Amino acid sequence: MAAPPGRTRPADGRSRSSPRPPRRRPGRPGPRGRAGGVPWLYLAPALAVLGGLLVYPVYQLGLISLFTYTQAQVSGGRPATFEGFGNYSRLLADEQFWQVLGATVVFAAACVLSTLAVGCALAVLLTRVRAVPRLALMLAALGAWATPAVTGSTVWLFLFDPDFGPVNRVLGLGDHSWTYGRYSAFLLVLLEVVWCSFPFVMVTVYAGIRSVPAEVLEAASLDGASQWRIWRSVLAPMLRPILTVVTIQSVIWDFKVFTQIYVMTGGGGIAGQNLVLNVYAYQQAFASSQYSLGSAIGVVMLLILLAVTLVYLRLLRRQGEEL
């Protein structure tokens, strides 16, 4: 087709009068560049609050761990002396610290796995029952979630009391003491931790399941998949970002359990057989007035939690998950 009069058509077939894309001057940011700082302006107040509530206490924790800081320094009788990593050397050379660390890791792992299993199972159950049982289960779970840790621990101690507890009577165990043995005491605390922690997992996973299209679940059912197969092959991959959040939260909460262990085992059990790192740090800092050593334990706990979280997120990124 011939070009209109007064216009020439170049070899590439475009008219010379066709509009060209605007050239961007070097050094001038585009629309996305101009808006890049806007989200940080909205986040600035929250970041300032978090900096005051988190960054400064962590800084003080790390600072105290580098000095000799006991009751004499607190009362002003002696000046604090710089030790560097001396407190950490003492801590790493302490055999009890490694025993407590191993017990804490095993106990926290058992709590996390049990909490996720119970929470996810009840979340799936909520999608299978009618409105009234669903409402009753949700109210019961939220009641357990809202119960203070001290109150919940005291109630569980009464339930398993060797003299007046109804559990021993129902099971016919007589005056069996659940808090006397090391493993039975850890089991009792684990049950209480799961009881007060599973509602968060249940509600979060249930909200994620409700967001999954019903056609996907119906297609899996028509293909003959069982409930376990649907969860493993359909729901779990689609809910992986949500499961990541609840897993990290559970690891943080269960690794630093304090109230349940302290109340239910009387401060760590007989001869410290039920000590975990948080209770061990409390004993070193306040019972022994070794505040610098307790701060060093707190720093070690912080580093362990950061390492576990970063490794877990890195593994998910390697699997192609966007978090």
Foldseek 3Di string as FASTA:
>chain_A
DDDDPPWDADPVRDTPPDDDDDDDDPPDDDPCVVCVCVVVVVCVVVVVVCCVVPVVVLVVLVVLLQWFFFVCCVVPVDPIGGRGCPLVVVLVPDPVNVVQAVLLVVLLVVLLVLLLVVQLVVLVVLVVDDDVVNVVVLVQLVVLQPDDPLVLLVVLCQCQQLPRHVVCVVVVVHSDDQLQDLVSLSVSLSVSSSSNQNSVSNVLLNVQVVPDDPVVVVVCVVVPDDPVRCCVPPSCVSCVVSVLVSSLVSSVDSSQDDNNCCNNQVQQHDVNSRHHLNSVLCCVCPVVRRVSSSSVSVVVSVVVSVVVSVVVVVVVVVVVDDD
